[in-house]
Amino acid sequence: MACMLHPKGSQHDRKRRTEHAERDERWEGCVSSAFRHEVSSPQ
């Protein structure tokens, strides 16, 4: 809806959303690998 009101900002919003998605994917990978390490290593 915002892109219809602000067509000039749609490109910027799309780029920002992509950057956030990539950052989230890296964070998820980091968390999952750390979690796997915690689970696999005995206390």
PDB file of N, CA and C in Angstrom:
ATOM      1  N   MET A   1       0.833  -1.195   0.000  1.00  0.00           N
ATOM      2  CA  MET A   1       0.000   0.000   0.000  1.00  0.00           C
ATOM      3  C   MET A   1       0.873   1.253   0.000  1.00  0.00           C
ATOM      4  N   ALA A   2       1.923   1.238   0.771  1.00  0.00           N
ATOM      5  CA  ALA A   2       2.810   2.405   0.865  1.00  0.00           C
ATOM      6  C   ALA A   2       3.476   2.691  -0.480  1.00  0.00           C
ATOM      7  N   CYS A   3       3.755   1.630  -1.264  1.00  0.00           N
ATOM      8  CA  CYS A   3       4.419   1.861  -2.549  1.00  0.00           C
ATOM      9  C   CYS A   3       3.483   2.584  -3.510  1.00  0.00           C
ATOM     10  N   MET A   4       2.169   2.398  -3.372  1.00  0.00           N
ATOM     11  CA  MET A   4       1.240   3.132  -4.234  1.00  0.00           C
ATOM     12  C   MET A   4       1.232   4.612  -3.848  1.00  0.00           C
ATOM     13  N   LEU A   5       1.334   4.893  -2.561  1.00  0.00           N
ATOM     14  CA  LEU A   5       1.357   6.279  -2.105  1.00  0.00           C
ATOM     15  C   LEU A   5       2.705   6.922  -2.405  1.00  0.00           C
ATOM     16  N   HIS A   6       3.775   6.140  -2.278  1.00  0.00           N
ATOM     17  CA  HIS A   6       5.128   6.665  -2.501  1.00  0.00           C
ATOM     18  C   HIS A   6       5.863   5.791  -3.518  1.00  0.00           C
ATOM     19  N   PRO A   7       5.555   5.936  -4.818  1.00  0.00           N
ATOM     20  CA  PRO A   7       6.188   5.098  -5.847  1.00  0.00           C
ATOM     21  C   PRO A   7       7.702   5.265  -5.874  1.00  0.00           C
ATOM     22  N   LYS A   8       8.191   6.452  -5.505  1.00  0.00           N
ATOM     23  CA  LYS A   8       9.637   6.681  -5.532  1.00  0.00           C
ATOM     24  C   LYS A   8      10.331   5.891  -4.426  1.00  0.00           C
ATOM     25  N   GLY A   9       9.635   5.653  -3.315  1.00  0.00           N
ATOM     26  CA  GLY A   9      10.249   4.959  -2.194  1.00  0.00           C
ATOM     27  C   GLY A   9      10.171   3.440  -2.315  1.00  0.00           C
ATOM     28  N   SER A  10       9.398   2.931  -3.296  1.00  0.00           N
ATOM     29  CA  SER A  10       9.213   1.483  -3.393  1.00  0.00           C
ATOM     30  C   SER A  10      10.543   0.770  -3.652  1.00  0.00           C
ATOM     31  N   GLN A  11      11.365   1.332  -4.519  1.00  0.00           N
ATOM     32  CA  GLN A  11      12.654   0.707  -4.829  1.00  0.00           C
ATOM     33  C   GLN A  11      13.525   0.646  -3.576  1.00  0.00           C
ATOM     34  N   HIS A  12      13.557   1.741  -2.837  1.00  0.00           N
ATOM     35  CA  HIS A  12      14.363   1.792  -1.613  1.00  0.00           C
ATOM     36  C   HIS A  12      13.831   0.789  -0.589  1.00  0.00           C
ATOM     37  N   ASP A  13      12.510   0.729  -0.438  1.00  0.00           N
ATOM     38  CA  ASP A  13      11.918  -0.193   0.519  1.00  0.00           C
ATOM     39  C   ASP A  13      12.230  -1.634   0.146  1.00  0.00           C
ATOM     40  N   ARG A  14      12.152  -1.930  -1.164  1.00  0.00           N
ATOM     41  CA  ARG A  14      12.430  -3.298  -1.602  1.00  0.00           C
ATOM     42  C   ARG A  14      13.878  -3.657  -1.291  1.00  0.00           C
ATOM     43  N   LYS A  15      14.806  -2.716  -1.543  1.00  0.00           N
ATOM     44  CA  LYS A  15      16.221  -2.964  -1.278  1.00  0.00           C
ATOM     45  C   LYS A  15      16.449  -3.173   0.221  1.00  0.00           C
ATOM     46  N   ARG A  16      15.825  -2.320   1.030  1.00  0.00           N
ATOM     47  CA  ARG A  16      16.004  -2.427   2.473  1.00  0.00           C
ATOM     48  C   ARG A  16      15.450  -3.756   2.980  1.00  0.00           C
ATOM     49  N   ARG A  17      14.288  -4.165   2.431  1.00  0.00           N
ATOM     50  CA  ARG A  17      13.687  -5.426   2.851  1.00  0.00           C
ATOM     51  C   ARG A  17      14.608  -6.591   2.506  1.00  0.00           C
ATOM     52  N   THR A  18      15.251  -6.538   1.331  1.00  0.00           N
ATOM     53  CA  THR A  18      16.170  -7.602   0.920  1.00  0.00           C
ATOM     54  C   THR A  18      17.367  -7.660   1.859  1.00  0.00           C
ATOM     55  N   GLU A  19      17.898  -6.495   2.225  1.00  0.00           N
ATOM     56  CA  GLU A  19      19.042  -6.465   3.138  1.00  0.00           C
ATOM     57  C   GLU A  19      18.657  -7.062   4.483  1.00  0.00           C
ATOM     58  N   HIS A  20      17.445  -6.735   4.965  1.00  0.00           N
ATOM     59  CA  HIS A  20      16.993  -7.287   6.234  1.00  0.00           C
ATOM     60  C   HIS A  20      16.866  -8.803   6.135  1.00  0.00           C
ATOM     61  N   ALA A  21      16.332  -9.285   5.026  1.00  0.00           N
ATOM     62  CA  ALA A  21      16.151 -10.723   4.842  1.00  0.00           C
ATOM     63  C   ALA A  21      17.500 -11.435   4.860  1.00  0.00           C
ATOM     64  N   GLU A  22      18.487 -10.871   4.157  1.00  0.00           N
ATOM     65  CA  GLU A  22      19.809 -11.492   4.121  1.00  0.00           C
ATOM     66  C   GLU A  22      20.429 -11.499   5.513  1.00  0.00           C
ATOM     67  N   ARG A  23      20.267 -10.395   6.248  1.00  0.00           N
ATOM     68  CA  ARG A  23      20.823 -10.329   7.596  1.00  0.00           C
ATOM     69  C   ARG A  23      20.147 -11.363   8.493  1.00  0.00           C
ATOM     70  N   ASP A  24      18.814 -11.508   8.357  1.00  0.00           N
ATOM     71  CA  ASP A  24      18.091 -12.484   9.155  1.00  0.00           C
ATOM     72  C   ASP A  24      18.556 -13.897   8.831  1.00  0.00           C
ATOM     73  N   GLU A  25      18.790 -14.188   7.548  1.00  0.00           N
ATOM     74  CA  GLU A  25      19.244 -15.523   7.161  1.00  0.00           C
ATOM     75  C   GLU A  25      20.606 -15.821   7.780  1.00  0.00           C
ATOM     76  N   ARG A  26      21.519 -14.840   7.743  1.00  0.00           N
ATOM     77  CA  ARG A  26      22.832 -15.044   8.359  1.00  0.00           C
ATOM     78  C   ARG A  26      22.675 -15.275   9.855  1.00  0.00           C
ATOM     79  N   TRP A  27      21.795 -14.505  10.499  1.00  0.00           N
ATOM     80  CA  TRP A  27      21.581 -14.648  11.947  1.00  0.00           C
ATOM     81  C   TRP A  27      21.005 -16.032  12.242  1.00  0.00           C
ATOM     82  N   GLU A  28      20.016 -16.458  11.456  1.00  0.00           N
ATOM     83  CA  GLU A  28      19.412 -17.774  11.653  1.00  0.00           C
ATOM     84  C   GLU A  28      20.466 -18.866  11.525  1.00  0.00           C
ATOM     85  N   GLY A  29      21.328 -18.770  10.518  1.00  0.00           N
ATOM     86  CA  GLY A  29      22.375 -19.769  10.327  1.00  0.00           C
ATOM     87  C   GLY A  29      23.328 -19.784  11.511  1.00  0.00           C
ATOM     88  N   CYS A  30      23.664 -18.604  12.011  1.00  0.00           N
ATOM     89  CA  CYS A  30      24.577 -18.506  13.150  1.00  0.00           C
ATOM     90  C   CYS A  30      23.939 -19.148  14.376  1.00  0.00           C
ATOM     91  N   VAL A  31      22.680 -18.826  14.622  1.00  0.00           N
ATOM     92  CA  VAL A  31      21.984 -19.357  15.793  1.00  0.00           C
ATOM     93  C   VAL A  31      21.830 -20.871  15.685  1.00  0.00           C
ATOM     94  N   SER A  32      21.405 -21.351  14.510  1.00  0.00           N
ATOM     95  CA  SER A  32      21.164 -22.783  14.348  1.00  0.00           C
ATOM     96  C   SER A  32      22.458 -23.575  14.509  1.00  0.00           C
ATOM     97  N   SER A  33      23.569 -23.061  13.976  1.00  0.00           N
ATOM     98  CA  SER A  33      24.844 -23.769  14.095  1.00  0.00           C
ATOM     99  C   SER A  33      25.301 -23.780  15.549  1.00  0.00           C
ATOM    100  N   ALA A  34      25.125 -22.673  16.259  1.00  0.00           N
ATOM    101  CA  ALA A  34      25.508 -22.615  17.670  1.00  0.00           C
ATOM    102  C   ALA A  34      24.637 -23.572  18.478  1.00  0.00           C
ATOM    103  N   PHE A  35      23.345 -23.612  18.165  1.00  0.00           N
ATOM    104  CA  PHE A  35      22.423 -24.499  18.867  1.00  0.00           C
ATOM    105  C   PHE A  35      22.805 -25.952  18.618  1.00  0.00           C
ATOM    106  N   ARG A  36      23.157 -26.269  17.369  1.00  0.00           N
ATOM    107  CA  ARG A  36      23.543 -27.628  17.025  1.00  0.00           C
ATOM    108  C   ARG A  36      24.801 -28.014  17.800  1.00  0.00           C
ATOM    109  N   HIS A  37      25.745 -27.075  17.909  1.00  0.00           N
ATOM    110  CA  HIS A  37      26.989 -27.343  18.637  1.00  0.00           C
ATOM    111  C   HIS A  37      26.675 -27.625  20.113  1.00  0.00           C
ATOM    112  N   GLU A  38      25.779 -26.827  20.688  1.00  0.00           N
ATOM    113  CA  GLU A  38      25.412 -27.011  22.092  1.00  0.00           C
ATOM    114  C   GLU A  38      24.771 -28.381  22.307  1.00  0.00           C
ATOM    115  N   VAL A  39      23.897 -28.772  21.384  1.00  0.00           N
ATOM    116  CA  VAL A  39      23.174 -30.038  21.529  1.00  0.00           C
ATOM    117  C   VAL A  39      24.110 -31.224  21.334  1.00  0.00           C
ATOM    118  N   SER A  40      25.005 -31.135  20.340  1.00  0.00           N
ATOM    119  CA  SER A  40      25.848 -32.287  20.010  1.00  0.00           C
ATOM    120  C   SER A  40      26.956 -32.487  21.042  1.00  0.00           C
ATOM    121  N   SER A  41      27.449 -31.404  21.651  1.00  0.00           N
ATOM    122  CA  SER A  41      28.559 -31.551  22.604  1.00  0.00           C
ATOM    123  C   SER A  41      28.027 -31.929  23.989  1.00  0.00           C
ATOM    124  N   PRO A  42      28.536 -32.995  24.586  1.00  0.00           N
ATOM    125  CA  PRO A  42      28.078 -33.418  25.919  1.00  0.00           C
ATOM    126  C   PRO A  42      28.520 -32.440  27.006  1.00  0.00           C
ATOM    127  N   GLN A  43      27.791 -32.388  28.078  1.00  0.00           N
ATOM    128  CA  GLN A  43      28.082 -31.464  29.174  1.00  0.00           C
ATOM    129  C   GLN A  43      29.345 -31.879  29.914  1.00  0.00           C
TER     130      GLN A  43
END
